Amino acid sequence: MKVNDHMLQFASAQKIQNKNLTEDPEKLMEACKEFEAIFLNMMLQQMRKTITEDGFVEKSYGREIYESMQDEEISKEMARGQGIGLAKQLYQQLSRNIKTSAE
């Protein structure tokens, strides 16, 4: 059975959606960082697909799982740090939208 990364990402998106983000700016920033992590994970997976198989390490199900887990952790660490700026931009836009809708 193949692990479906999209189902894991959907579960993460559901967690983000269930949070009440309008009351706490820290929760909003956390959700934005989680979104950036999901985006980075998808980007890393697509980048990995461009690597040619040279036969050094045999492609296997175990390797696929390991690489998937590695990509996920790398993307989380990237988002926790500076990231690529997506979380910051998203936070600024959403906080602006929340302020205008509250008025």
N, C-alpha and C. Protein backbone atom coordinates (compact mmCIF):
# COMPACT_ATOMS: atom_id res chain seq x y z
N MET A 1 0.84 -1.18 0.00
CA MET A 1 0.00 0.00 0.00
C MET A 1 0.89 1.24 0.00
N LYS A 2 0.63 2.14 -0.90
CA LYS A 2 1.44 3.35 -1.02
C LYS A 2 0.89 4.44 -0.11
N VAL A 3 1.78 5.13 0.57
CA VAL A 3 1.39 6.23 1.44
C VAL A 3 0.99 7.40 0.56
N ASN A 4 -0.18 7.93 0.79
CA ASN A 4 -0.67 9.03 -0.01
C ASN A 4 -0.35 10.34 0.71
N ASP A 5 0.64 11.08 0.21
CA ASP A 5 1.05 12.33 0.82
C ASP A 5 -0.07 13.37 0.79
N HIS A 6 -0.91 13.31 -0.23
CA HIS A 6 -1.99 14.29 -0.33
C HIS A 6 -2.99 14.13 0.81
N MET A 7 -3.20 12.90 1.26
CA MET A 7 -4.11 12.68 2.39
C MET A 7 -3.51 13.26 3.67
N LEU A 8 -2.20 13.13 3.85
CA LEU A 8 -1.54 13.71 5.01
C LEU A 8 -1.61 15.23 4.96
N GLN A 9 -1.43 15.80 3.78
CA GLN A 9 -1.51 17.24 3.63
C GLN A 9 -2.94 17.73 3.86
N PHE A 10 -3.92 16.94 3.42
CA PHE A 10 -5.32 17.30 3.65
C PHE A 10 -5.62 17.31 5.14
N ALA A 11 -5.09 16.33 5.87
CA ALA A 11 -5.29 16.28 7.32
C ALA A 11 -4.68 17.50 7.99
N SER A 12 -3.51 17.93 7.52
CA SER A 12 -2.87 19.13 8.06
C SER A 12 -3.71 20.36 7.75
N ALA A 13 -4.26 20.42 6.55
CA ALA A 13 -5.11 21.55 6.17
C ALA A 13 -6.37 21.59 7.03
N GLN A 14 -6.92 20.43 7.35
CA GLN A 14 -8.10 20.37 8.21
C GLN A 14 -7.78 20.92 9.60
N LYS A 15 -6.59 20.59 10.12
CA LYS A 15 -6.18 21.11 11.42
C LYS A 15 -6.11 22.63 11.38
N ILE A 16 -5.55 23.16 10.31
CA ILE A 16 -5.44 24.60 10.16
C ILE A 16 -6.82 25.23 10.09
N GLN A 17 -7.72 24.62 9.34
CA GLN A 17 -9.05 25.15 9.14
C GLN A 17 -9.87 25.17 10.43
N ASN A 18 -9.65 24.19 11.30
CA ASN A 18 -10.42 24.09 12.53
C ASN A 18 -10.00 25.08 13.60
N LYS A 19 -8.87 25.75 13.44
CA LYS A 19 -8.40 26.69 14.44
C LYS A 19 -9.17 28.00 14.30
N ASN A 20 -9.47 28.62 15.44
CA ASN A 20 -10.10 29.93 15.42
C ASN A 20 -8.99 30.97 15.33
N LEU A 21 -8.70 31.43 14.14
CA LEU A 21 -7.53 32.26 13.91
C LEU A 21 -7.80 33.75 14.06
N THR A 22 -9.05 34.13 14.15
CA THR A 22 -9.35 35.56 14.20
C THR A 22 -9.06 36.17 15.56
N GLU A 23 -9.01 35.36 16.61
CA GLU A 23 -8.82 35.90 17.95
C GLU A 23 -7.36 36.03 18.35
N ASP A 24 -6.49 35.22 17.82
CA ASP A 24 -5.11 35.18 18.28
C ASP A 24 -4.14 35.28 17.10
N PRO A 25 -3.39 36.38 17.03
CA PRO A 25 -2.43 36.54 15.93
C PRO A 25 -1.35 35.45 15.91
N GLU A 26 -0.99 34.92 17.08
CA GLU A 26 0.02 33.86 17.14
C GLU A 26 -0.49 32.58 16.46
N LYS A 27 -1.78 32.29 16.65
CA LYS A 27 -2.37 31.12 16.00
C LYS A 27 -2.41 31.31 14.49
N LEU A 28 -2.69 32.54 14.07
CA LEU A 28 -2.71 32.83 12.64
C LEU A 28 -1.32 32.63 12.04
N MET A 29 -0.29 33.13 12.72
CA MET A 29 1.07 32.95 12.22
C MET A 29 1.46 31.48 12.20
N GLU A 30 1.04 30.73 13.21
CA GLU A 30 1.32 29.29 13.25
C GLU A 30 0.67 28.58 12.06
N ALA A 31 -0.57 28.96 11.76
CA ALA A 31 -1.27 28.37 10.62
C ALA A 31 -0.58 28.73 9.30
N CYS A 32 -0.10 29.97 9.20
CA CYS A 32 0.62 30.39 8.00
C CYS A 32 1.92 29.61 7.83
N LYS A 33 2.61 29.35 8.94
CA LYS A 33 3.84 28.56 8.88
C LYS A 33 3.54 27.11 8.50
N GLU A 34 2.43 26.58 9.00
CA GLU A 34 2.03 25.22 8.63
C GLU A 34 1.72 25.14 7.13
N PHE A 35 1.06 26.18 6.62
CA PHE A 35 0.77 26.23 5.19
C PHE A 35 2.06 26.28 4.38
N GLU A 36 3.00 27.11 4.84
CA GLU A 36 4.28 27.20 4.14
C GLU A 36 5.01 25.86 4.17
N ALA A 37 4.92 25.15 5.29
CA ALA A 37 5.56 23.82 5.39
C ALA A 37 4.95 22.85 4.38
N ILE A 38 3.63 22.89 4.23
CA ILE A 38 2.96 22.03 3.25
C ILE A 38 3.43 22.38 1.84
N PHE A 39 3.49 23.68 1.56
CA PHE A 39 3.94 24.14 0.24
C PHE A 39 5.38 23.69 -0.03
N LEU A 40 6.25 23.88 0.97
CA LEU A 40 7.65 23.49 0.81
C LEU A 40 7.80 21.98 0.63
N ASN A 41 6.98 21.21 1.35
CA ASN A 41 7.02 19.76 1.21
C ASN A 41 6.66 19.35 -0.22
N MET A 42 5.63 19.95 -0.76
CA MET A 42 5.24 19.64 -2.14
C MET A 42 6.34 20.03 -3.12
N MET A 43 6.98 21.18 -2.86
CA MET A 43 8.06 21.63 -3.72
C MET A 43 9.25 20.66 -3.66
N LEU A 44 9.61 20.22 -2.45
CA LEU A 44 10.72 19.27 -2.31
C LEU A 44 10.41 17.94 -3.01
N GLN A 45 9.17 17.49 -2.91
CA GLN A 45 8.79 16.24 -3.57
C GLN A 45 8.93 16.37 -5.09
N GLN A 46 8.51 17.50 -5.63
CA GLN A 46 8.63 17.71 -7.07
C GLN A 46 10.09 17.82 -7.49
N MET A 47 10.90 18.46 -6.66
CA MET A 47 12.32 18.57 -6.95
C MET A 47 12.97 17.19 -6.94
N ARG A 48 12.58 16.35 -5.99
CA ARG A 48 13.14 15.01 -5.88
C ARG A 48 12.82 14.18 -7.14
N LYS A 49 11.66 14.42 -7.74
CA LYS A 49 11.27 13.67 -8.94
C LYS A 49 12.19 13.96 -10.12
N THR A 50 12.89 15.09 -10.09
CA THR A 50 13.77 15.45 -11.21
C THR A 50 15.12 14.76 -11.13
N ILE A 51 15.42 14.13 -9.99
CA ILE A 51 16.71 13.46 -9.82
C ILE A 51 16.68 12.13 -10.56
N THR A 52 17.68 11.91 -11.39
CA THR A 52 17.74 10.65 -12.13
C THR A 52 18.25 9.54 -11.22
N GLU A 53 17.78 8.35 -11.49
CA GLU A 53 18.21 7.18 -10.73
C GLU A 53 19.54 6.69 -11.31
N ASP A 54 20.59 6.80 -10.54
CA ASP A 54 21.91 6.38 -11.03
C ASP A 54 22.27 4.97 -10.59
N GLY A 55 21.43 4.36 -9.81
CA GLY A 55 21.68 2.99 -9.39
C GLY A 55 22.55 2.87 -8.15
N PHE A 56 22.98 3.99 -7.58
CA PHE A 56 23.80 3.94 -6.38
C PHE A 56 23.04 3.32 -5.22
N VAL A 57 21.82 3.78 -5.02
CA VAL A 57 20.94 3.20 -4.00
C VAL A 57 19.69 2.73 -4.71
N GLU A 58 19.36 1.48 -4.52
CA GLU A 58 18.21 0.89 -5.21
C GLU A 58 16.90 1.53 -4.74
N LYS A 59 16.03 1.81 -5.69
CA LYS A 59 14.72 2.38 -5.38
C LYS A 59 13.86 1.31 -4.73
N SER A 60 13.29 1.61 -3.58
CA SER A 60 12.45 0.65 -2.88
C SER A 60 11.35 1.39 -2.14
N TYR A 61 10.39 0.63 -1.65
CA TYR A 61 9.29 1.21 -0.89
C TYR A 61 9.81 1.88 0.39
N GLY A 62 10.75 1.23 1.05
CA GLY A 62 11.35 1.79 2.26
C GLY A 62 12.05 3.11 1.99
N ARG A 63 12.73 3.19 0.86
CA ARG A 63 13.41 4.42 0.50
C ARG A 63 12.40 5.53 0.22
N GLU A 64 11.31 5.19 -0.45
CA GLU A 64 10.26 6.18 -0.72
C GLU A 64 9.69 6.75 0.57
N ILE A 65 9.44 5.87 1.53
CA ILE A 65 8.90 6.32 2.82
C ILE A 65 9.92 7.21 3.52
N TYR A 66 11.17 6.79 3.53
CA TYR A 66 12.23 7.56 4.18
C TYR A 66 12.34 8.95 3.54
N GLU A 67 12.37 9.01 2.22
CA GLU A 67 12.50 10.29 1.53
C GLU A 67 11.29 11.18 1.79
N SER A 68 10.11 10.58 1.84
CA SER A 68 8.90 11.34 2.11
C SER A 68 8.95 11.94 3.52
N MET A 69 9.36 11.13 4.49
CA MET A 69 9.48 11.62 5.86
C MET A 69 10.57 12.68 5.98
N GLN A 70 11.66 12.48 5.27
CA GLN A 70 12.76 13.44 5.29
C GLN A 70 12.30 14.78 4.70
N ASP A 71 11.62 14.74 3.57
CA ASP A 71 11.11 15.96 2.94
C ASP A 71 10.16 16.70 3.88
N GLU A 72 9.30 15.94 4.56
CA GLU A 72 8.35 16.55 5.47
C GLU A 72 9.06 17.27 6.62
N GLU A 73 10.05 16.63 7.21
CA GLU A 73 10.77 17.23 8.32
C GLU A 73 11.60 18.43 7.88
N ILE A 74 12.23 18.33 6.72
CA ILE A 74 13.01 19.46 6.20
C ILE A 74 12.09 20.65 5.95
N SER A 75 10.93 20.40 5.38
CA SER A 75 10.00 21.50 5.09
C SER A 75 9.49 22.14 6.38
N LYS A 76 9.24 21.34 7.41
CA LYS A 76 8.81 21.90 8.70
C LYS A 76 9.90 22.78 9.30
N GLU A 77 11.14 22.31 9.25
CA GLU A 77 12.26 23.08 9.80
C GLU A 77 12.47 24.37 9.01
N MET A 78 12.34 24.30 7.70
CA MET A 78 12.48 25.50 6.88
C MET A 78 11.40 26.52 7.24
N ALA A 79 10.17 26.07 7.41
CA ALA A 79 9.06 26.97 7.73
C ALA A 79 9.21 27.55 9.14
N ARG A 80 9.76 26.77 10.08
CA ARG A 80 9.97 27.27 11.45
C ARG A 80 11.00 28.40 11.47
N GLY A 81 11.97 28.32 10.58
CA GLY A 81 13.00 29.35 10.50
C GLY A 81 12.51 30.50 9.63
N GLN A 82 13.37 30.97 8.77
CA GLN A 82 13.01 32.07 7.87
C GLN A 82 12.08 31.63 6.75
N GLY A 83 12.18 30.36 6.37
CA GLY A 83 11.35 29.87 5.28
C GLY A 83 11.67 30.59 3.99
N ILE A 84 10.68 30.70 3.14
CA ILE A 84 10.86 31.43 1.88
C ILE A 84 10.06 32.73 1.88
N GLY A 85 9.50 33.07 3.04
CA GLY A 85 8.76 34.31 3.17
C GLY A 85 7.27 34.18 2.88
N LEU A 86 6.84 33.00 2.52
CA LEU A 86 5.43 32.79 2.19
C LEU A 86 4.54 32.98 3.42
N ALA A 87 4.96 32.45 4.56
CA ALA A 87 4.16 32.57 5.79
C ALA A 87 4.00 34.03 6.19
N LYS A 88 5.07 34.79 6.08
CA LYS A 88 5.03 36.21 6.44
C LYS A 88 4.06 36.98 5.54
N GLN A 89 4.15 36.74 4.24
CA GLN A 89 3.27 37.42 3.29
C GLN A 89 1.81 37.02 3.50
N LEU A 90 1.59 35.74 3.71
CA LEU A 90 0.25 35.24 3.95
C LEU A 90 -0.34 35.83 5.23
N TYR A 91 0.48 35.89 6.28
CA TYR A 91 0.05 36.46 7.56
C TYR A 91 -0.35 37.93 7.39
N GLN A 92 0.49 38.69 6.69
CA GLN A 92 0.18 40.11 6.48
C GLN A 92 -1.14 40.28 5.74
N GLN A 93 -1.34 39.49 4.71
CA GLN A 93 -2.57 39.59 3.92
C GLN A 93 -3.79 39.18 4.74
N LEU A 94 -3.70 38.05 5.43
CA LEU A 94 -4.85 37.56 6.19
C LEU A 94 -5.17 38.46 7.38
N SER A 95 -4.15 38.96 8.06
CA SER A 95 -4.42 39.84 9.20
C SER A 95 -5.07 41.14 8.73
N ARG A 96 -4.67 41.61 7.56
CA ARG A 96 -5.30 42.80 6.98
C ARG A 96 -6.77 42.52 6.66
N ASN A 97 -7.04 41.34 6.09
CA ASN A 97 -8.41 40.97 5.74
C ASN A 97 -9.27 40.80 6.99
N ILE A 98 -8.69 40.25 8.05
CA ILE A 98 -9.44 40.05 9.30
C ILE A 98 -9.80 41.40 9.91
N LYS A 99 -8.85 42.35 9.88
CA LYS A 99 -9.10 43.68 10.44
C LYS A 99 -10.22 44.39 9.68
N THR A 100 -10.20 44.32 8.35
CA THR A 100 -11.21 45.02 7.56
C THR A 100 -12.58 44.36 7.68
N SER A 101 -12.62 43.04 7.85
CA SER A 101 -13.92 42.37 8.00
C SER A 101 -14.50 42.59 9.39
N ALA A 102 -13.65 42.88 10.38
CA ALA A 102 -14.13 43.12 11.74
C ALA A 102 -14.72 44.52 11.88
N GLU A 103 -14.33 45.42 11.01
CA GLU A 103 -14.80 46.81 11.11
C GLU A 103 -16.17 46.99 10.54
